[in-house]
């Protein structure tokens, strides 16, 4: 197994270039220690988490831009209550941030009266995934509400 010295990716023994970054590989394959495998794994996981956060922030920014633009257009077209639009915007942002970045806190808030040992509860991967999907749906519902509200006026 050849290991790329640039990106630390495992490549086939007969590979001349890294499959990920394209860097030229050494002629002799090197072996990793267990610590190097663990470090490489956690480095890749940290990179994935960073990308997930970036995507979430981009989605939130796009939502804010679309929502504010539609709100301004509605306000210019006719008299629209900005307090309602602002309240919906704040609820959508808080719901998204809570569901995507703090799913454990949402779980505790919704089940604190029903579960005695709530600190010992281990949340499943499905809960985390569905929480993220729910956060994105909250943003989508905010846009749909704004479009519906604009059509009603």
Protein backbone atom coordinates (compact mmCIF):
# COMPACT_ATOMS: atom_id res chain seq x y z
CA UNK A 1 0.00 0.00 0.00
CA UNK A 2 1.47 3.35 -1.03
CA UNK A 3 0.65 6.36 1.10
CA UNK A 4 0.61 9.82 -0.40
CA UNK A 5 2.99 12.12 1.44
CA UNK A 6 0.88 15.16 0.49
CA UNK A 7 -2.66 14.14 1.54
CA UNK A 8 -1.97 10.93 3.54
CA UNK A 9 -4.30 8.79 1.39
CA UNK A 10 -3.82 5.05 0.85
CA UNK A 11 -3.21 4.08 -2.79
CA UNK A 12 -2.69 0.79 -4.58
CA UNK A 13 0.84 -0.63 -4.65
CA UNK A 14 1.07 -0.17 -8.43
CA UNK A 15 -0.20 3.44 -8.43
CA UNK A 16 2.12 6.13 -9.76
CA UNK A 17 0.00 9.10 -8.68
CA UNK A 18 -2.32 9.66 -5.72
CA UNK A 19 -5.97 8.93 -6.48
CA UNK A 20 -7.13 11.93 -4.44
CA UNK A 21 -4.68 14.79 -5.00
CA UNK A 22 -2.70 13.54 -8.02
CA UNK A 23 0.71 13.93 -6.41
CA UNK A 24 3.48 11.61 -7.57
CA UNK A 25 3.96 8.63 -5.24
CA UNK A 26 7.27 7.24 -4.04
CA UNK A 27 8.48 4.01 -5.63
CA UNK A 28 8.57 2.20 -2.30
CA UNK A 29 5.35 1.60 -0.41
CA UNK A 30 5.37 2.69 3.22
CA UNK A 31 3.52 1.17 6.12
CA UNK A 32 1.59 3.19 8.63
CA UNK A 33 1.57 2.72 12.33
CA UNK A 34 -1.72 2.42 14.19
CA UNK A 35 -1.37 6.01 15.40
CA UNK A 36 -1.00 7.27 11.84
CA UNK A 37 -4.18 5.43 10.80
CA UNK A 38 -6.08 6.94 13.71
CA UNK A 39 -4.71 10.42 13.02
CA UNK A 40 -5.61 10.15 9.33
CA UNK A 41 -9.12 8.96 10.22
CA UNK A 42 -9.79 11.83 12.61
CA UNK A 43 -8.31 14.32 10.14
CA UNK A 44 -10.75 13.13 7.47
CA UNK A 45 -13.66 13.24 9.94
CA UNK A 46 -12.77 16.79 10.97
CA UNK A 47 -12.64 17.76 7.30
CA UNK A 48 -16.11 16.25 6.71
CA UNK A 49 -17.53 18.08 9.73
CA UNK A 50 -16.07 21.33 8.45
CA UNK A 51 -17.69 20.80 5.06
CA UNK A 52 -21.05 20.02 6.69
CA UNK A 53 -20.87 23.22 8.71
CA UNK A 54 -19.94 25.23 5.62
CA UNK A 55 -22.90 23.80 3.69
CA UNK A 56 -25.23 24.58 6.60
CA UNK A 57 -24.01 28.17 6.85
CA UNK A 58 -24.35 28.60 3.09
CA UNK A 59 -27.91 27.26 3.22
CA UNK A 60 -28.75 29.64 6.05
CA UNK A 61 -27.24 32.55 4.15
CA UNK A 62 -29.17 31.68 0.98
CA UNK A 63 -32.38 31.40 3.00
CA UNK A 64 -31.78 34.79 4.61
CA UNK A 65 -31.05 36.43 1.26
CA UNK A 66 -34.14 34.94 -0.41
CA UNK A 67 -36.41 35.68 2.55
CA UNK A 68 -35.25 39.28 2.95
CA UNK A 69 -35.48 39.91 -0.80
CA UNK A 70 -39.03 38.54 -0.96
CA UNK A 71 -40.00 40.53 2.15
CA UNK A 72 -38.74 43.76 0.63
CA UNK A 73 -40.57 43.05 -2.64
CA UNK A 74 -43.80 42.40 -0.71
CA UNK A 75 -43.32 45.53 1.34
CA UNK A 76 -42.80 47.65 -1.76
CA UNK A 77 -45.83 46.14 -3.53
CA UNK A 78 -48.27 46.73 -0.75
CA UNK A 79 -48.54 47.31 2.96
CA UNK A 80 -47.21 44.23 4.70
CA UNK A 81 -46.78 43.80 8.41
CA UNK A 82 -43.03 43.59 8.91
CA UNK A 83 -43.51 42.28 12.44
CA UNK A 84 -45.11 39.08 11.12
CA UNK A 85 -42.42 38.61 8.50
CA UNK A 86 -39.67 39.28 11.03
CA UNK A 87 -41.19 36.86 13.53
CA UNK A 88 -41.40 34.08 10.94
CA UNK A 89 -37.81 34.81 9.85
CA UNK A 90 -36.52 34.60 13.43
CA UNK A 91 -38.46 31.39 14.13
CA UNK A 92 -37.09 29.77 10.96
CA UNK A 93 -33.50 30.75 11.74
CA UNK A 94 -33.73 29.61 15.37
CA UNK A 95 -35.41 26.35 14.32
CA UNK A 96 -32.77 25.67 11.67
CA UNK A 97 -29.78 26.47 13.89
CA UNK A 98 -31.21 24.41 16.73
CA UNK A 99 -32.08 21.41 14.57
CA UNK A 100 -28.83 21.37 12.57
CA UNK A 101 -26.21 22.50 15.09
CA UNK A 102 -27.78 21.56 18.44
CA UNK A 103 -29.98 18.46 17.94
CA UNK A 104 -29.14 17.16 21.43
CA UNK A 105 -30.53 20.35 22.99
CA UNK A 106 -33.76 19.97 21.02
CA UNK A 107 -34.03 16.36 22.19
CA UNK A 108 -33.56 17.38 25.83
CA UNK A 109 -36.11 20.20 25.52
CA UNK A 110 -38.76 17.93 24.05
CA UNK A 111 -38.23 14.91 26.33
CA UNK A 112 -36.98 16.29 29.65
CA UNK A 113 -40.28 15.60 31.43
CA UNK A 114 -40.64 12.10 30.00
CA UNK A 115 -37.16 10.60 30.54
CA UNK A 116 -35.63 10.45 34.02
CA UNK A 117 -32.02 9.77 33.00
CA UNK A 118 -31.94 12.01 29.93
CA UNK A 119 -28.20 12.68 30.23
CA UNK A 120 -27.50 8.96 29.73
CA UNK A 121 -29.55 8.68 26.54
CA UNK A 122 -27.41 8.08 23.45
CA UNK A 123 -28.98 9.58 20.34
CA UNK A 124 -28.98 7.49 17.19
CA UNK A 125 -27.49 8.45 13.84
CA UNK A 126 -31.02 8.44 12.45
CA UNK A 127 -32.03 11.10 14.97
CA UNK A 128 -29.13 13.33 13.93
CA UNK A 129 -29.86 12.88 10.22
CA UNK A 130 -33.59 13.48 10.60
CA UNK A 131 -32.86 16.54 12.73
CA UNK A 132 -30.71 18.02 9.95
CA UNK A 133 -33.37 17.23 7.35
CA UNK A 134 -35.95 18.86 9.62
CA UNK A 135 -33.81 21.98 9.88
CA UNK A 136 -33.65 22.34 6.11
CA UNK A 137 -37.41 21.73 5.89
CA UNK A 138 -37.96 24.55 8.37
CA UNK A 139 -36.14 26.92 6.03
CA UNK A 140 -38.11 25.67 3.04
CA UNK A 141 -41.40 26.10 4.92
CA UNK A 142 -40.41 29.67 5.79
CA UNK A 143 -39.96 30.50 2.09
CA UNK A 144 -43.21 28.71 1.18
CA UNK A 145 -45.06 30.64 3.90
CA UNK A 146 -43.69 33.92 2.61
CA UNK A 147 -44.76 33.12 -0.96
CA UNK A 148 -48.20 32.04 0.24
CA UNK A 149 -48.54 35.14 2.39
CA UNK A 150 -47.58 37.34 -0.57
CA UNK A 151 -50.14 35.62 -2.79
CA UNK A 152 -52.90 36.22 -0.22
CA UNK A 153 -52.36 39.98 -0.10
